[in-house]
C-alpha atoms as a PDB file:
ATOM      1  CA  MET A   1       2.949 -20.814  11.382  1.00  0.00           C
ATOM      2  CA  THR A   2       3.920 -20.187   7.792  1.00  0.00           C
ATOM      3  CA  LEU A   3       2.541 -20.210   4.301  1.00  0.00           C
ATOM      4  CA  VAL A   4       2.763 -23.545   2.528  1.00  0.00           C
ATOM      5  CA  LEU A   5       1.627 -23.568  -1.080  1.00  0.00           C
ATOM      6  CA  PRO A   6       1.930 -26.466  -3.533  1.00  0.00           C
ATOM      7  CA  ILE A   7       4.848 -24.795  -5.305  1.00  0.00           C
ATOM      8  CA  ASP A   8       8.588 -25.388  -5.521  1.00  0.00           C
ATOM      9  CA  PRO A   9       9.876 -25.809  -1.949  1.00  0.00           C
ATOM     10  CA  GLU A  10      12.524 -23.154  -2.656  1.00  0.00           C
ATOM     11  CA  ALA A  11       9.774 -20.712  -3.611  1.00  0.00           C
ATOM     12  CA  ASN A  12       8.062 -21.374  -0.267  1.00  0.00           C
ATOM     13  CA  ARG A  13      11.371 -20.862   1.552  1.00  0.00           C
ATOM     14  CA  LEU A  14      11.903 -17.539  -0.252  1.00  0.00           C
ATOM     15  CA  LEU A  15       8.433 -16.371   0.853  1.00  0.00           C
ATOM     16  CA  GLU A  16       9.253 -17.377   4.401  1.00  0.00           C
ATOM     17  CA  ARG A  17      12.555 -15.498   4.607  1.00  0.00           C
ATOM     18  CA  SER A  18      11.945 -12.526   2.303  1.00  0.00           C
ATOM     19  CA  PRO A  19       9.410  -9.839   3.209  1.00  0.00           C
ATOM     20  CA  LEU A  20       9.820  -8.403  -0.294  1.00  0.00           C
ATOM     21  CA  ALA A  21       9.034 -11.748  -1.962  1.00  0.00           C
ATOM     22  CA  ARG A  22       5.947 -12.061   0.258  1.00  0.00           C
ATOM     23  CA  LEU A  23       4.763  -8.589  -0.726  1.00  0.00           C
ATOM     24  CA  LEU A  24       5.471  -9.153  -4.428  1.00  0.00           C
ATOM     25  CA  GLY A  25       3.523 -12.408  -4.329  1.00  0.00           C
ATOM     26  CA  MET A  26       0.558 -10.437  -3.015  1.00  0.00           C
ATOM     27  CA  VAL A  27       1.067  -7.759  -5.680  1.00  0.00           C
ATOM     28  CA  LEU A  28       0.877 -10.457  -8.364  1.00  0.00           C
ATOM     29  CA  ASP A  29      -2.079 -12.262  -6.767  1.00  0.00           C
ATOM     30  CA  GLN A  30      -4.777 -11.166  -9.174  1.00  0.00           C
ATOM     31  CA  GLN A  31      -6.188 -12.853 -12.241  1.00  0.00           C
ATOM     32  CA  VAL A  32      -3.800 -15.797 -11.848  1.00  0.00           C
ATOM     33  CA  PRO A  33      -3.846 -18.784  -9.494  1.00  0.00           C
ATOM     34  CA  MET A  34      -2.314 -17.952  -6.120  1.00  0.00           C
ATOM     35  CA  GLU A  35       0.355 -20.611  -6.685  1.00  0.00           C
ATOM     36  CA  LYS A  36       1.477 -18.751  -9.802  1.00  0.00           C
ATOM     37  CA  ALA A  37       1.474 -15.386  -8.047  1.00  0.00           C
ATOM     38  CA  PHE A  38       3.428 -16.541  -5.012  1.00  0.00           C
ATOM     39  CA  SER A  39       5.958 -18.628  -6.965  1.00  0.00           C
ATOM     40  CA  SER A  40       6.759 -15.765  -9.349  1.00  0.00           C
ATOM     41  CA  PRO A  41       9.075 -13.918  -6.912  1.00  0.00           C
ATOM     42  CA  TYR A  42      11.254 -17.051  -6.849  1.00  0.00           C
ATOM     43  CA  VAL A  43      11.207 -17.329 -10.649  1.00  0.00           C
ATOM     44  CA  LEU A  44      12.088 -13.618 -10.873  1.00  0.00           C
ATOM     45  CA  ALA A  45      15.071 -14.176  -8.566  1.00  0.00           C
ATOM     46  CA  GLN A  46      16.190 -17.134 -10.691  1.00  0.00           C
ATOM     47  CA  ARG A  47      15.980 -15.076 -13.868  1.00  0.00           C
ATOM     48  CA  LEU A  48      17.933 -12.220 -12.293  1.00  0.00           C
ATOM     49  CA  GLY A  49      20.510 -14.624 -10.860  1.00  0.00           C
ATOM     50  CA  HIS A  50      19.966 -13.302  -7.296  1.00  0.00           C
ATOM     51  CA  GLU A  51      17.265 -12.166  -4.901  1.00  0.00           C
ATOM     52  CA  PRO A  52      16.505  -8.570  -5.846  1.00  0.00           C
ATOM     53  CA  ASP A  53      15.856  -5.787  -3.387  1.00  0.00           C
ATOM     54  CA  ALA A  54      13.254  -3.056  -3.711  1.00  0.00           C
ATOM     55  CA  ALA A  55      15.753  -0.400  -4.794  1.00  0.00           C
ATOM     56  CA  GLU A  56      17.039  -2.603  -7.622  1.00  0.00           C
ATOM     57  CA  LEU A  57      13.542  -3.357  -8.906  1.00  0.00           C
ATOM     58  CA  ALA A  58      12.400   0.266  -8.594  1.00  0.00           C
ATOM     59  CA  ALA A  59      15.373   1.429 -10.662  1.00  0.00           C
ATOM     60  CA  TYR A  60      15.349  -1.461 -13.151  1.00  0.00           C
ATOM     61  CA  ASP A  61      15.012  -0.531 -16.818  1.00  0.00           C
ATOM     62  CA  PRO A  62      11.236  -0.867 -17.365  1.00  0.00           C
ATOM     63  CA  GLU A  63      11.514  -2.528 -20.783  1.00  0.00           C
ATOM     64  CA  ALA A  64      14.094  -5.000 -19.513  1.00  0.00           C
ATOM     65  CA  LEU A  65      11.882  -5.869 -16.545  1.00  0.00           C
ATOM     66  CA  VAL A  66       8.902  -6.410 -18.835  1.00  0.00           C
ATOM     67  CA  ALA A  67      11.069  -8.757 -20.920  1.00  0.00           C
ATOM     68  CA  ILE A  68      11.972 -10.724 -17.778  1.00  0.00           C
ATOM     69  CA  PHE A  69       8.299 -10.906 -16.776  1.00  0.00           C
ATOM     70  CA  ALA A  70       7.220 -11.927 -20.293  1.00  0.00           C
ATOM     71  CA  THR A  71       9.819 -14.650 -20.874  1.00  0.00           C
ATOM     72  CA  PRO A  72       7.929 -17.954 -21.123  1.00  0.00           C
ATOM     73  CA  PRO A  73       6.533 -19.052 -18.863  1.00  0.00           C
ATOM     74  CA  ALA A  74       5.482 -15.481 -18.105  1.00  0.00           C
ATOM     75  CA  LEU A  75       5.511 -14.429 -14.457  1.00  0.00           C
ATOM     76  CA  HIS A  76       1.945 -13.184 -14.801  1.00  0.00           C
ATOM     77  CA  ARG A  77      -0.923 -13.239 -17.266  1.00  0.00           C
ATOM     78  CA  PHE A  78      -0.302  -9.503 -17.811  1.00  0.00           C
ATOM     79  CA  PRO A  79       3.504  -9.203 -17.728  1.00  0.00           C
ATOM     80  CA  LYS A  80       3.755  -5.582 -18.858  1.00  0.00           C
ATOM     81  CA  ALA A  81       1.196  -4.235 -16.394  1.00  0.00           C
ATOM     82  CA  MET A  82       2.469  -6.323 -13.497  1.00  0.00           C
ATOM     83  CA  ALA A  83       6.134  -5.497 -14.098  1.00  0.00           C
ATOM     84  CA  ALA A  84       5.126  -1.829 -13.915  1.00  0.00           C
ATOM     85  CA  ARG A  85       3.075  -2.469 -10.760  1.00  0.00           C
ATOM     86  CA  VAL A  86       6.020  -4.228  -9.089  1.00  0.00           C
ATOM     87  CA  GLN A  87       8.201  -1.217  -9.902  1.00  0.00           C
ATOM     88  CA  GLU A  88       5.596   1.190  -8.487  1.00  0.00           C
ATOM     89  CA  VAL A  89       5.302  -0.774  -5.241  1.00  0.00           C
ATOM     90  CA  CYS A  90       9.081  -1.021  -4.926  1.00  0.00           C
ATOM     91  CA  GLN A  91       9.392   2.725  -5.481  1.00  0.00           C
ATOM     92  CA  VAL A  92       6.992   3.347  -2.587  1.00  0.00           C
ATOM     93  CA  LEU A  93       9.127   1.024  -0.435  1.00  0.00           C
ATOM     94  CA  VAL A  94      12.232   3.007  -1.390  1.00  0.00           C
ATOM     95  CA  ASP A  95      10.573   6.391  -0.834  1.00  0.00           C
ATOM     96  CA  ARG A  96       8.808   5.636   2.461  1.00  0.00           C
ATOM     97  CA  TYR A  97      10.549   2.632   4.033  1.00  0.00           C
ATOM     98  CA  ASP A  98      14.197   2.849   2.940  1.00  0.00           C
ATOM     99  CA  GLY A  99      13.566  -0.018   0.528  1.00  0.00           C
ATOM    100  CA  ASP A 100      12.791  -2.443   3.361  1.00  0.00           C
ATOM    101  CA  ALA A 101       9.461  -4.226   2.831  1.00  0.00           C
ATOM    102  CA  ALA A 102       9.397  -5.356   6.482  1.00  0.00           C
ATOM    103  CA  ARG A 103       9.317  -1.712   7.604  1.00  0.00           C
ATOM    104  CA  LEU A 104       5.857  -1.542   6.061  1.00  0.00           C
ATOM    105  CA  TRP A 105       4.654  -3.496   9.099  1.00  0.00           C
ATOM    106  CA  SER A 106       7.461  -3.724  11.663  1.00  0.00           C
ATOM    107  CA  ASP A 107       6.755  -0.490  13.534  1.00  0.00           C
ATOM    108  CA  VAL A 108       2.998  -0.048  13.188  1.00  0.00           C
ATOM    109  CA  ALA A 109       1.048   0.960  16.279  1.00  0.00           C
ATOM    110  CA  ASP A 110      -2.014  -1.152  15.474  1.00  0.00           C
ATOM    111  CA  GLY A 111      -3.984  -3.051  12.852  1.00  0.00           C
ATOM    112  CA  PRO A 112      -5.718   0.008  11.391  1.00  0.00           C
ATOM    113  CA  GLU A 113      -2.336   1.663  10.788  1.00  0.00           C
ATOM    114  CA  LEU A 114      -1.063  -1.515   9.118  1.00  0.00           C
ATOM    115  CA  LEU A 115      -4.143  -1.659   6.901  1.00  0.00           C
ATOM    116  CA  ARG A 116      -3.721   2.022   5.998  1.00  0.00           C
ATOM    117  CA  ARG A 117      -0.071   1.532   5.046  1.00  0.00           C
ATOM    118  CA  VAL A 118      -0.811  -1.507   2.915  1.00  0.00           C
ATOM    119  CA  SER A 119      -3.807   0.225   1.312  1.00  0.00           C
ATOM    120  CA  GLU A 120      -1.522   3.076   0.228  1.00  0.00           C
ATOM    121  CA  LEU A 121       0.492   0.723  -1.997  1.00  0.00           C
ATOM    122  CA  PRO A 122      -0.276   0.865  -5.730  1.00  0.00           C
ATOM    123  CA  GLY A 123      -2.852  -1.752  -6.668  1.00  0.00           C
ATOM    124  CA  PHE A 124      -3.932  -2.523  -3.110  1.00  0.00           C
ATOM    125  CA  GLY A 125      -7.632  -1.885  -2.703  1.00  0.00           C
ATOM    126  CA  LYS A 126      -9.421  -2.633   0.554  1.00  0.00           C
ATOM    127  CA  GLN A 127      -9.880  -6.360  -0.064  1.00  0.00           C
ATOM    128  CA  LYS A 128      -6.314  -6.999  -1.200  1.00  0.00           C
ATOM    129  CA  ALA A 129      -4.957  -4.956   1.713  1.00  0.00           C
ATOM    130  CA  GLN A 130      -7.105  -6.893   4.183  1.00  0.00           C
ATOM    131  CA  ILE A 131      -5.923 -10.200   2.736  1.00  0.00           C
ATOM    132  CA  PHE A 132      -2.300  -9.110   3.113  1.00  0.00           C
ATOM    133  CA  VAL A 133      -2.881  -8.001   6.717  1.00  0.00           C
ATOM    134  CA  ALA A 134      -4.443 -11.432   7.376  1.00  0.00           C
ATOM    135  CA  LEU A 135      -1.517 -13.171   5.667  1.00  0.00           C
ATOM    136  CA  LEU A 136       0.978 -11.292   7.813  1.00  0.00           C
ATOM    137  CA  GLY A 137      -0.960 -12.010  10.995  1.00  0.00           C
ATOM    138  CA  LYS A 138      -1.932 -15.621  10.398  1.00  0.00           C
ATOM    139  CA  ARG A 139       1.234 -16.893   8.736  1.00  0.00           C
ATOM    140  CA  PHE A 140       4.055 -14.568   9.755  1.00  0.00           C
ATOM    141  CA  GLY A 141       3.312 -13.435  13.313  1.00  0.00           C
ATOM    142  CA  VAL A 142       2.670  -9.773  12.485  1.00  0.00           C
ATOM    143  CA  THR A 143      -0.072  -9.194  15.045  1.00  0.00           C
ATOM    144  CA  PRO A 144      -0.368  -5.574  16.168  1.00  0.00           C
ATOM    145  CA  GLN A 145      -3.406  -4.742  18.290  1.00  0.00           C
ATOM    146  CA  ASP A 146      -6.683  -5.095  16.338  1.00  0.00           C
ATOM    147  CA  TRP A 147      -5.033  -6.702  13.297  1.00  0.00           C
ATOM    148  CA  ARG A 148      -7.879  -9.215  12.935  1.00  0.00           C
ATOM    149  CA  LYS A 149     -10.446  -6.413  12.956  1.00  0.00           C
ATOM    150  CA  ALA A 150      -8.423  -4.519  10.338  1.00  0.00           C
ATOM    151  CA  ALA A 151      -8.260  -7.676   8.187  1.00  0.00           C
ATOM    152  CA  GLY A 152     -12.051  -7.976   8.247  1.00  0.00           C
ATOM    153  CA  GLY A 153     -13.409 -11.462   7.567  1.00  0.00           C
ATOM    154  CA  TYR A 154      -9.998 -12.502   6.257  1.00  0.00           C
ATOM    155  CA  GLY A 155      -8.650 -12.266   9.800  1.00  0.00           C
ATOM    156  CA  ASP A 156     -11.243 -14.626  11.264  1.00  0.00           C
ATOM    157  CA  PRO A 157      -9.690 -17.679  12.906  1.00  0.00           C
ATOM    158  CA  GLY A 158     -10.662 -20.920  11.204  1.00  0.00           C
ATOM    159  CA  ALA A 159     -11.719 -19.134   8.009  1.00  0.00           C
ATOM    160  CA  TYR A 160     -10.796 -20.432   4.569  1.00  0.00           C
ATOM    161  CA  ARG A 161     -11.120 -17.299   2.461  1.00  0.00           C
ATOM    162  CA  SER A 162      -7.695 -16.411   1.061  1.00  0.00           C
ATOM    163  CA  VAL A 163      -4.027 -17.226   0.730  1.00  0.00           C
ATOM    164  CA  ALA A 164      -3.739 -16.254   4.416  1.00  0.00           C
ATOM    165  CA  ASP A 165      -5.516 -19.517   5.268  1.00  0.00           C
ATOM    166  CA  VAL A 166      -3.433 -21.908   3.161  1.00  0.00           C
ATOM    167  CA  THR A 167      -1.296 -24.307   5.153  1.00  0.00           C
ATOM    168  CA  ASP A 168      -1.711 -27.536   3.170  1.00  0.00           C
ATOM    169  CA  ALA A 169      -3.581 -29.134   0.249  1.00  0.00           C
ATOM    170  CA  ASP A 170      -6.845 -29.429   2.187  1.00  0.00           C
ATOM    171  CA  SER A 171      -6.891 -25.764   3.238  1.00  0.00           C
ATOM    172  CA  LEU A 172      -6.065 -24.748  -0.348  1.00  0.00           C
ATOM    173  CA  ARG A 173      -9.039 -26.795  -1.566  1.00  0.00           C
ATOM    174  CA  ARG A 174     -11.302 -25.129   1.015  1.00  0.00           C
ATOM    175  CA  VAL A 175     -10.112 -21.639   0.011  1.00  0.00           C
ATOM    176  CA  ARG A 176     -10.797 -22.463  -3.645  1.00  0.00           C
ATOM    177  CA  GLU A 177     -14.296 -23.684  -2.775  1.00  0.00           C
ATOM    178  CA  TYR A 178     -14.974 -20.453  -0.886  1.00  0.00           C
ATOM    179  CA  LYS A 179     -13.788 -18.343  -3.820  1.00  0.00           C
ATOM    180  CA  GLN A 180     -15.978 -20.333  -6.229  1.00  0.00           C
ATOM    181  CA  GLN A 181     -18.983 -19.785  -3.965  1.00  0.00           C
ATOM    182  CA  MET A 182     -18.291 -16.038  -3.855  1.00  0.00           C
ATOM    183  CA  LYS A 183     -17.957 -15.840  -7.647  1.00  0.00           C
ATOM    184  CA  ALA A 184     -21.198 -17.789  -8.117  1.00  0.00           C
ATOM    185  CA  ALA A 185     -23.013 -15.529  -5.644  1.00  0.00           C
ATOM    186  CA  ALA A 186     -21.701 -12.396  -7.369  1.00  0.00           C
ATOM    187  CA  LYS A 187     -22.698 -13.778 -10.777  1.00  0.00           C
ATOM    188  CA  ALA A 188     -26.186 -14.641  -9.519  1.00  0.00           C
ATOM    189  CA  LYS A 189     -26.563 -11.173  -7.986  1.00  0.00           C
ATOM    190  CA  THR A 190     -25.522  -9.539 -11.271  1.00  0.00           C
ATOM    191  CA  ALA A 191     -27.896 -11.746 -13.267  1.00  0.00           C
ATOM    192  CA  GLY A 192     -30.771 -10.889 -10.919  1.00  0.00           C
ATOM    193  CA  ALA A 193     -30.113  -7.154 -10.959  1.00  0.00           C
END
């Protein structure tokens, strides 16, 4: 029960062993393909020469971190904004969880508390927070009481709605099809409004 994306096998292994890498992948998962977002923590570690921790990233010189993010190929479509977002999230981890990303979820009482904690992170609106709760539950065994309810539709078993549902090439294709359907429906709704 783990996440398997069509990315460098070492990047998948980093996501499996590193709660921080997992969280940073979710931070970066906007306006880029999910493979790009979730492989970027591995590329960041390669560029730094080691796996960073939250305290290091929170305290990193902002301009230097932007330069690392912007080095081709850039870690994100918006390297400056996303380097700043990574620093903001890491600062919250340092301030509230002693720099340990796993503490974000390791001692929660239930799914609603997990969703609340994730939602309090910079850049995590309701949908992104629900997707991360689903990712933790479906792929990493973080299943406090009512986690599926907290994750909304993203927690549904057998759903193909987000990165939480990707286990192979076929599930990735099905998630992409779902996202395309949602975009088309939103576009049609906007056009008809």
